[in-house]
Amino acid sequence: MIQWKEERVLPVHIEKVWELYLDENIKRTMPKVEEHTLIEKTETEVGAKHSQKYREGKRVETYIVETLAYEDNPDRKHKQIAFVLGKAFEINLSFTLEKLDESHTRFIYAGHNKGVNFVGRAMLKLGSEKSNNKVVLEYMDRVESEAIAMK
């Protein structure tokens, strides 16, 4: 299993950063997501489910993303999602925002990627921690640049 938890301070108001986590803005932070369709409940509810299509090269994977936690308070925002990718990986992601002041937000990105079968576990063991860290930091960079662009 691969786990991570990274944080950084963004020079943006918490509400602007939170807008990036609305369904309509998902492609701003996850450009490889081609389709993100609500299929159960509403996007702001625990238990909400989305059908998502993700492109990796020529291959398009379709899977169901479930919202496990959702908190929208003035000083703290939190969303946790989980999905199984390619019948091989169980991915759990959480995005937490904490208001530091009117123009600064602490952004915490945490998660894990766990192999659910022999193939998934083997692929994770073969992958490098360095490449996983690169993916995590690239995502955080994208969130920061998109949040600054929304100011």
N, C-alpha and C. Protein backbone atom coordinates (compact mmCIF):
# COMPACT_ATOMS: atom_id res chain seq x y z
N MET A 1 0.86 -1.18 0.00
CA MET A 1 0.00 0.00 0.00
C MET A 1 0.90 1.24 0.00
N ILE A 2 0.49 2.21 -0.75
CA ILE A 2 1.19 3.51 -0.80
C ILE A 2 0.30 4.51 -0.07
N GLN A 3 0.90 5.28 0.85
CA GLN A 3 0.16 6.31 1.58
C GLN A 3 0.89 7.64 1.47
N TRP A 4 0.13 8.72 1.56
CA TRP A 4 0.74 10.05 1.55
C TRP A 4 -0.14 11.03 2.32
N LYS A 5 0.53 12.08 2.80
CA LYS A 5 -0.16 13.22 3.41
C LYS A 5 0.77 14.41 3.23
N GLU A 6 0.32 15.35 2.43
CA GLU A 6 1.11 16.55 2.14
C GLU A 6 0.25 17.77 2.45
N GLU A 7 0.89 18.84 2.82
CA GLU A 7 0.14 20.08 3.04
C GLU A 7 0.96 21.28 2.61
N ARG A 8 0.22 22.33 2.29
CA ARG A 8 0.87 23.60 1.96
C ARG A 8 -0.13 24.73 2.18
N VAL A 9 0.40 25.93 2.34
CA VAL A 9 -0.45 27.11 2.52
C VAL A 9 -0.63 27.76 1.15
N LEU A 10 -1.89 27.98 0.79
CA LEU A 10 -2.23 28.63 -0.47
C LEU A 10 -2.61 30.09 -0.20
N PRO A 11 -2.15 31.02 -1.03
CA PRO A 11 -2.46 32.44 -0.81
C PRO A 11 -3.83 32.82 -1.40
N VAL A 12 -4.85 32.05 -1.00
CA VAL A 12 -6.20 32.20 -1.56
C VAL A 12 -7.22 31.97 -0.44
N HIS A 13 -8.35 32.68 -0.50
CA HIS A 13 -9.43 32.51 0.47
C HIS A 13 -9.98 31.09 0.38
N ILE A 14 -10.35 30.52 1.51
CA ILE A 14 -10.82 29.13 1.58
C ILE A 14 -11.98 28.85 0.62
N GLU A 15 -12.92 29.80 0.48
CA GLU A 15 -14.09 29.56 -0.39
C GLU A 15 -13.68 29.43 -1.86
N LYS A 16 -12.67 30.18 -2.28
CA LYS A 16 -12.20 30.10 -3.68
C LYS A 16 -11.56 28.74 -3.94
N VAL A 17 -10.75 28.27 -2.99
CA VAL A 17 -10.12 26.96 -3.16
C VAL A 17 -11.20 25.88 -3.19
N TRP A 18 -12.20 25.99 -2.32
CA TRP A 18 -13.26 24.99 -2.22
C TRP A 18 -14.06 24.86 -3.52
N GLU A 19 -14.17 25.96 -4.26
CA GLU A 19 -14.88 25.91 -5.55
C GLU A 19 -14.27 24.88 -6.49
N LEU A 20 -12.97 24.62 -6.36
CA LEU A 20 -12.32 23.63 -7.22
C LEU A 20 -12.86 22.23 -6.98
N TYR A 21 -13.51 22.00 -5.84
CA TYR A 21 -14.03 20.67 -5.51
C TYR A 21 -15.50 20.50 -5.86
N LEU A 22 -16.07 21.48 -6.55
CA LEU A 22 -17.41 21.33 -7.09
C LEU A 22 -17.32 20.46 -8.35
N ASP A 23 -18.36 19.68 -8.59
CA ASP A 23 -18.37 18.80 -9.77
C ASP A 23 -18.01 19.54 -11.05
N GLU A 24 -18.56 20.73 -11.21
CA GLU A 24 -18.36 21.48 -12.46
C GLU A 24 -16.91 21.88 -12.70
N ASN A 25 -16.08 21.85 -11.65
CA ASN A 25 -14.68 22.28 -11.78
C ASN A 25 -13.67 21.14 -11.70
N ILE A 26 -14.13 19.91 -11.67
CA ILE A 26 -13.22 18.78 -11.45
C ILE A 26 -12.10 18.70 -12.48
N LYS A 27 -12.39 19.05 -13.72
CA LYS A 27 -11.36 18.95 -14.77
C LYS A 27 -10.25 19.97 -14.60
N ARG A 28 -10.48 20.99 -13.79
CA ARG A 28 -9.43 21.99 -13.55
C ARG A 28 -8.27 21.39 -12.75
N THR A 29 -8.60 20.48 -11.82
CA THR A 29 -7.56 19.87 -11.01
C THR A 29 -7.24 18.43 -11.44
N MET A 30 -8.15 17.84 -12.20
CA MET A 30 -7.96 16.46 -12.67
C MET A 30 -8.25 16.42 -14.17
N PRO A 31 -7.32 16.94 -14.99
CA PRO A 31 -7.58 17.06 -16.43
C PRO A 31 -7.76 15.74 -17.17
N LYS A 32 -7.32 14.62 -16.60
CA LYS A 32 -7.49 13.33 -17.26
C LYS A 32 -8.88 12.74 -17.06
N VAL A 33 -9.69 13.39 -16.19
CA VAL A 33 -11.08 12.95 -16.01
C VAL A 33 -11.87 13.49 -17.19
N GLU A 34 -12.41 12.57 -17.99
CA GLU A 34 -13.16 12.97 -19.18
C GLU A 34 -14.64 13.16 -18.90
N GLU A 35 -15.13 12.42 -17.92
CA GLU A 35 -16.56 12.50 -17.60
C GLU A 35 -16.74 12.29 -16.11
N HIS A 36 -17.61 13.07 -15.50
CA HIS A 36 -17.87 12.99 -14.06
C HIS A 36 -19.37 13.24 -13.88
N THR A 37 -20.13 12.16 -13.73
CA THR A 37 -21.59 12.26 -13.72
C THR A 37 -22.17 11.78 -12.40
N LEU A 38 -22.95 12.64 -11.75
CA LEU A 38 -23.62 12.29 -10.51
C LEU A 38 -24.68 11.23 -10.79
N ILE A 39 -24.65 10.12 -10.04
CA ILE A 39 -25.64 9.06 -10.25
C ILE A 39 -26.47 8.75 -9.01
N GLU A 40 -26.04 9.26 -7.85
CA GLU A 40 -26.77 9.00 -6.62
C GLU A 40 -26.59 10.14 -5.64
N LYS A 41 -27.68 10.59 -5.00
CA LYS A 41 -27.70 11.68 -4.02
C LYS A 41 -27.29 13.01 -4.67
N THR A 42 -26.72 13.94 -3.86
CA THR A 42 -26.24 15.21 -4.41
C THR A 42 -24.74 15.31 -4.15
N GLU A 43 -24.07 16.19 -4.87
CA GLU A 43 -22.61 16.26 -4.76
C GLU A 43 -22.11 16.67 -3.38
N THR A 44 -22.99 17.24 -2.55
CA THR A 44 -22.57 17.70 -1.22
C THR A 44 -22.97 16.74 -0.10
N GLU A 45 -23.33 15.52 -0.43
CA GLU A 45 -23.77 14.54 0.58
C GLU A 45 -22.81 13.37 0.70
N VAL A 46 -22.64 12.91 1.94
CA VAL A 46 -21.93 11.65 2.15
C VAL A 46 -22.78 10.56 1.48
N GLY A 47 -22.13 9.65 0.78
CA GLY A 47 -22.85 8.59 0.06
C GLY A 47 -23.13 8.93 -1.38
N ALA A 48 -22.81 10.15 -1.79
CA ALA A 48 -23.00 10.53 -3.20
C ALA A 48 -22.12 9.62 -4.05
N LYS A 49 -22.63 9.26 -5.22
CA LYS A 49 -21.85 8.43 -6.14
C LYS A 49 -21.81 9.09 -7.51
N HIS A 50 -20.63 9.03 -8.12
CA HIS A 50 -20.41 9.58 -9.45
C HIS A 50 -19.83 8.49 -10.34
N SER A 51 -20.26 8.48 -11.58
CA SER A 51 -19.60 7.64 -12.58
C SER A 51 -18.51 8.52 -13.17
N GLN A 52 -17.30 7.98 -13.22
CA GLN A 52 -16.19 8.79 -13.70
C GLN A 52 -15.43 8.03 -14.79
N LYS A 53 -15.04 8.76 -15.83
CA LYS A 53 -14.21 8.20 -16.89
C LYS A 53 -12.89 8.93 -16.87
N TYR A 54 -11.81 8.14 -16.86
CA TYR A 54 -10.46 8.66 -16.71
C TYR A 54 -9.60 8.13 -17.85
N ARG A 55 -8.90 9.02 -18.52
CA ARG A 55 -8.05 8.61 -19.65
C ARG A 55 -6.60 8.52 -19.20
N GLU A 56 -6.01 7.39 -19.50
CA GLU A 56 -4.57 7.19 -19.28
C GLU A 56 -4.02 6.70 -20.62
N GLY A 57 -3.42 7.62 -21.37
CA GLY A 57 -2.94 7.29 -22.72
C GLY A 57 -4.14 7.03 -23.63
N LYS A 58 -4.17 5.87 -24.26
CA LYS A 58 -5.29 5.52 -25.15
C LYS A 58 -6.42 4.82 -24.41
N ARG A 59 -6.13 4.40 -23.18
CA ARG A 59 -7.11 3.64 -22.41
C ARG A 59 -8.01 4.56 -21.59
N VAL A 60 -9.31 4.24 -21.55
CA VAL A 60 -10.26 4.99 -20.72
C VAL A 60 -10.84 4.02 -19.70
N GLU A 61 -10.68 4.34 -18.43
CA GLU A 61 -11.22 3.53 -17.34
C GLU A 61 -12.51 4.18 -16.84
N THR A 62 -13.51 3.36 -16.56
CA THR A 62 -14.77 3.85 -15.98
C THR A 62 -14.93 3.20 -14.61
N TYR A 63 -15.29 3.99 -13.63
CA TYR A 63 -15.44 3.47 -12.27
C TYR A 63 -16.41 4.36 -11.50
N ILE A 64 -16.81 3.92 -10.32
CA ILE A 64 -17.73 4.67 -9.47
C ILE A 64 -16.94 5.28 -8.31
N VAL A 65 -17.12 6.59 -8.12
CA VAL A 65 -16.47 7.32 -7.03
C VAL A 65 -17.53 7.57 -5.97
N GLU A 66 -17.23 7.18 -4.74
CA GLU A 66 -18.17 7.40 -3.64
C GLU A 66 -17.62 8.44 -2.67
N THR A 67 -18.47 9.36 -2.25
CA THR A 67 -18.09 10.35 -1.25
C THR A 67 -18.26 9.74 0.13
N LEU A 68 -17.14 9.63 0.86
CA LEU A 68 -17.16 9.02 2.19
C LEU A 68 -17.32 10.05 3.31
N ALA A 69 -16.88 11.29 3.06
CA ALA A 69 -17.00 12.36 4.05
C ALA A 69 -17.17 13.67 3.31
N TYR A 70 -17.97 14.57 3.89
CA TYR A 70 -18.18 15.88 3.29
C TYR A 70 -18.48 16.87 4.41
N GLU A 71 -17.64 17.90 4.51
CA GLU A 71 -17.80 18.91 5.54
C GLU A 71 -17.58 20.28 4.89
N ASP A 72 -18.54 21.18 5.08
CA ASP A 72 -18.45 22.51 4.48
C ASP A 72 -18.77 23.55 5.55
N ASN A 73 -17.77 23.88 6.36
CA ASN A 73 -17.91 24.91 7.38
C ASN A 73 -17.08 26.12 7.00
N PRO A 74 -17.39 27.30 7.55
CA PRO A 74 -16.64 28.50 7.15
C PRO A 74 -15.13 28.41 7.34
N ASP A 75 -14.67 27.70 8.38
CA ASP A 75 -13.24 27.64 8.67
C ASP A 75 -12.58 26.31 8.29
N ARG A 76 -13.40 25.33 7.92
CA ARG A 76 -12.84 24.01 7.56
C ARG A 76 -13.72 23.34 6.52
N LYS A 77 -13.09 22.84 5.49
CA LYS A 77 -13.78 22.11 4.42
C LYS A 77 -13.07 20.77 4.27
N HIS A 78 -13.83 19.72 4.04
CA HIS A 78 -13.23 18.40 3.92
C HIS A 78 -14.07 17.52 3.00
N LYS A 79 -13.39 16.82 2.11
CA LYS A 79 -14.06 15.87 1.23
C LYS A 79 -13.17 14.64 1.13
N GLN A 80 -13.79 13.48 1.31
CA GLN A 80 -13.06 12.22 1.16
C GLN A 80 -13.81 11.35 0.17
N ILE A 81 -13.07 10.78 -0.77
CA ILE A 81 -13.66 9.94 -1.80
C ILE A 81 -12.90 8.62 -1.90
N ALA A 82 -13.56 7.62 -2.47
CA ALA A 82 -12.90 6.33 -2.68
C ALA A 82 -13.44 5.70 -3.95
N PHE A 83 -12.58 4.92 -4.61
CA PHE A 83 -12.98 4.20 -5.81
C PHE A 83 -12.01 3.06 -6.07
N VAL A 84 -12.44 2.11 -6.89
CA VAL A 84 -11.58 1.00 -7.30
C VAL A 84 -11.26 1.22 -8.77
N LEU A 85 -9.96 1.25 -9.08
CA LEU A 85 -9.50 1.52 -10.44
C LEU A 85 -9.00 0.23 -11.08
N GLY A 86 -9.54 -0.08 -12.25
CA GLY A 86 -9.08 -1.23 -13.02
C GLY A 86 -9.20 -2.56 -12.30
N LYS A 87 -10.13 -2.68 -11.35
CA LYS A 87 -10.32 -3.89 -10.55
C LYS A 87 -9.04 -4.32 -9.84
N ALA A 88 -8.06 -3.41 -9.74
CA ALA A 88 -6.77 -3.76 -9.14
C ALA A 88 -6.36 -2.86 -7.98
N PHE A 89 -6.85 -1.61 -7.96
CA PHE A 89 -6.41 -0.65 -6.95
C PHE A 89 -7.59 -0.01 -6.24
N GLU A 90 -7.52 0.00 -4.92
CA GLU A 90 -8.50 0.73 -4.11
C GLU A 90 -7.85 2.04 -3.75
N ILE A 91 -8.45 3.14 -4.20
CA ILE A 91 -7.87 4.46 -3.99
C ILE A 91 -8.78 5.26 -3.08
N ASN A 92 -8.18 5.86 -2.06
CA ASN A 92 -8.91 6.66 -1.09
C ASN A 92 -8.20 8.00 -1.01
N LEU A 93 -8.92 9.09 -1.27
CA LEU A 93 -8.33 10.43 -1.29
C LEU A 93 -9.09 11.36 -0.36
N SER A 94 -8.36 12.24 0.32
CA SER A 94 -9.05 13.26 1.11
C SER A 94 -8.41 14.62 0.86
N PHE A 95 -9.28 15.61 0.83
CA PHE A 95 -8.90 16.99 0.56
C PHE A 95 -9.43 17.82 1.73
N THR A 96 -8.54 18.45 2.48
CA THR A 96 -8.95 19.24 3.64
C THR A 96 -8.44 20.66 3.47
N LEU A 97 -9.31 21.62 3.74
CA LEU A 97 -8.95 23.04 3.68
C LEU A 97 -9.21 23.65 5.05
N GLU A 98 -8.25 24.40 5.54
CA GLU A 98 -8.41 25.10 6.82
C GLU A 98 -8.14 26.58 6.60
N LYS A 99 -9.08 27.41 7.03
CA LYS A 99 -8.93 28.86 6.87
C LYS A 99 -7.92 29.37 7.88
N LEU A 100 -6.86 30.01 7.38
CA LEU A 100 -5.86 30.61 8.26
C LEU A 100 -6.17 32.07 8.51
N ASP A 101 -6.59 32.77 7.44
CA ASP A 101 -7.06 34.15 7.54
C ASP A 101 -7.85 34.43 6.25
N GLU A 102 -8.16 35.68 5.98
CA GLU A 102 -9.00 36.00 4.82
C GLU A 102 -8.33 35.72 3.48
N SER A 103 -7.02 35.56 3.47
CA SER A 103 -6.35 35.35 2.19
C SER A 103 -5.38 34.17 2.18
N HIS A 104 -5.48 33.29 3.18
CA HIS A 104 -4.61 32.12 3.23
C HIS A 104 -5.37 30.88 3.70
N THR A 105 -5.10 29.77 3.03
CA THR A 105 -5.77 28.51 3.33
C THR A 105 -4.73 27.39 3.41
N ARG A 106 -4.83 26.59 4.46
CA ARG A 106 -3.99 25.39 4.53
C ARG A 106 -4.70 24.29 3.72
N PHE A 107 -3.98 23.71 2.78
CA PHE A 107 -4.49 22.64 1.92
C PHE A 107 -3.77 21.35 2.31
N ILE A 108 -4.55 20.34 2.71
CA ILE A 108 -4.00 19.05 3.10
C ILE A 108 -4.54 17.98 2.15
N TYR A 109 -3.65 17.30 1.49
CA TYR A 109 -4.01 16.24 0.54
C TYR A 109 -3.44 14.93 1.06
N ALA A 110 -4.33 13.99 1.34
CA ALA A 110 -3.90 12.71 1.90
C ALA A 110 -4.60 11.58 1.17
N GLY A 111 -4.02 10.41 1.24
CA GLY A 111 -4.68 9.27 0.64
C GLY A 111 -3.85 8.02 0.68
N HIS A 112 -4.44 6.98 0.11
CA HIS A 112 -3.70 5.73 -0.04
C HIS A 112 -4.16 5.01 -1.30
N ASN A 113 -3.29 4.19 -1.80
CA ASN A 113 -3.53 3.38 -2.99
C ASN A 113 -3.15 1.96 -2.57
N LYS A 114 -4.13 1.07 -2.59
CA LYS A 114 -3.92 -0.29 -2.09
C LYS A 114 -4.26 -1.29 -3.19
N GLY A 115 -3.40 -2.25 -3.40
CA GLY A 115 -3.69 -3.32 -4.36
C GLY A 115 -4.78 -4.21 -3.81
N VAL A 116 -5.82 -4.50 -4.60
CA VAL A 116 -6.92 -5.33 -4.11
C VAL A 116 -6.80 -6.78 -4.58
N ASN A 117 -5.85 -7.05 -5.46
CA ASN A 117 -5.61 -8.42 -5.89
C ASN A 117 -4.11 -8.58 -6.15
N PHE A 118 -3.70 -9.76 -6.56
CA PHE A 118 -2.28 -10.03 -6.77
C PHE A 118 -1.65 -9.05 -7.76
N VAL A 119 -2.33 -8.81 -8.87
CA VAL A 119 -1.80 -7.91 -9.90
C VAL A 119 -1.62 -6.50 -9.34
N GLY A 120 -2.63 -6.00 -8.66
CA GLY A 120 -2.54 -4.65 -8.08
C GLY A 120 -1.43 -4.53 -7.06
N ARG A 121 -1.31 -5.52 -6.17
CA ARG A 121 -0.25 -5.48 -5.16
C ARG A 121 1.13 -5.54 -5.82
N ALA A 122 1.27 -6.39 -6.83
CA ALA A 122 2.56 -6.52 -7.53
C ALA A 122 2.93 -5.21 -8.23
N MET A 123 1.95 -4.58 -8.88
CA MET A 123 2.22 -3.33 -9.59
C MET A 123 2.65 -2.23 -8.62
N LEU A 124 2.02 -2.18 -7.44
CA LEU A 124 2.41 -1.17 -6.46
C LEU A 124 3.82 -1.42 -5.94
N LYS A 125 4.18 -2.68 -5.76
CA LYS A 125 5.54 -2.99 -5.30
C LYS A 125 6.58 -2.63 -6.34
N LEU A 126 6.22 -2.75 -7.61
CA LEU A 126 7.15 -2.43 -8.69
C LEU A 126 7.29 -0.92 -8.91
N GLY A 127 6.25 -0.17 -8.55
CA GLY A 127 6.28 1.28 -8.73
C GLY A 127 7.21 1.91 -7.70
N SER A 128 7.70 3.09 -8.01
CA SER A 128 8.62 3.74 -7.07
C SER A 128 7.89 4.77 -6.22
N GLU A 129 8.39 4.93 -5.01
CA GLU A 129 7.83 5.94 -4.10
C GLU A 129 8.08 7.33 -4.68
N LYS A 130 9.21 7.47 -5.35
CA LYS A 130 9.56 8.76 -5.96
C LYS A 130 8.53 9.17 -7.01
N SER A 131 8.11 8.24 -7.86
CA SER A 131 7.13 8.59 -8.90
C SER A 131 5.77 8.88 -8.28
N ASN A 132 5.40 8.18 -7.20
CA ASN A 132 4.13 8.46 -6.53
C ASN A 132 4.18 9.85 -5.90
N ASN A 133 5.30 10.19 -5.25
CA ASN A 133 5.43 11.52 -4.65
C ASN A 133 5.34 12.61 -5.71
N LYS A 134 5.90 12.34 -6.89
CA LYS A 134 5.84 13.30 -7.99
C LYS A 134 4.38 13.56 -8.40
N VAL A 135 3.58 12.49 -8.49
CA VAL A 135 2.16 12.62 -8.85
C VAL A 135 1.43 13.45 -7.80
N VAL A 136 1.69 13.18 -6.53
CA VAL A 136 1.04 13.91 -5.43
C VAL A 136 1.40 15.40 -5.50
N LEU A 137 2.69 15.70 -5.67
CA LEU A 137 3.12 17.10 -5.72
C LEU A 137 2.60 17.81 -6.97
N GLU A 138 2.53 17.11 -8.10
CA GLU A 138 1.96 17.71 -9.31
C GLU A 138 0.49 18.06 -9.10
N TYR A 139 -0.25 17.19 -8.40
CA TYR A 139 -1.66 17.49 -8.11
C TYR A 139 -1.74 18.74 -7.22
N MET A 140 -0.93 18.80 -6.20
CA MET A 140 -0.96 19.96 -5.30
C MET A 140 -0.59 21.24 -6.04
N ASP A 141 0.39 21.16 -6.94
CA ASP A 141 0.77 22.32 -7.75
C ASP A 141 -0.41 22.78 -8.61
N ARG A 142 -1.13 21.82 -9.19
CA ARG A 142 -2.26 22.15 -10.05
C ARG A 142 -3.36 22.82 -9.23
N VAL A 143 -3.65 22.29 -8.04
CA VAL A 143 -4.66 22.91 -7.18
C VAL A 143 -4.24 24.33 -6.83
N GLU A 144 -2.97 24.52 -6.49
CA GLU A 144 -2.50 25.86 -6.14
C GLU A 144 -2.62 26.82 -7.31
N SER A 145 -2.18 26.43 -8.48
CA SER A 145 -2.24 27.33 -9.63
C SER A 145 -3.68 27.63 -10.04
N GLU A 146 -4.56 26.63 -9.99
CA GLU A 146 -5.97 26.86 -10.33
C GLU A 146 -6.65 27.75 -9.28
N ALA A 147 -6.32 27.56 -8.02
CA ALA A 147 -6.91 28.39 -6.97
C ALA A 147 -6.48 29.85 -7.12
N ILE A 148 -5.21 30.06 -7.43
CA ILE A 148 -4.70 31.42 -7.65
C ILE A 148 -5.39 32.04 -8.86
N ALA A 149 -5.62 31.26 -9.89
CA ALA A 149 -6.29 31.75 -11.11
C ALA A 149 -7.74 32.15 -10.82
N MET A 150 -8.36 31.55 -9.80
CA MET A 150 -9.77 31.84 -9.47
C MET A 150 -9.92 33.08 -8.59
N LYS A 151 -8.82 33.60 -8.03
CA LYS A 151 -8.87 34.74 -7.11
C LYS A 151 -9.67 35.90 -7.66
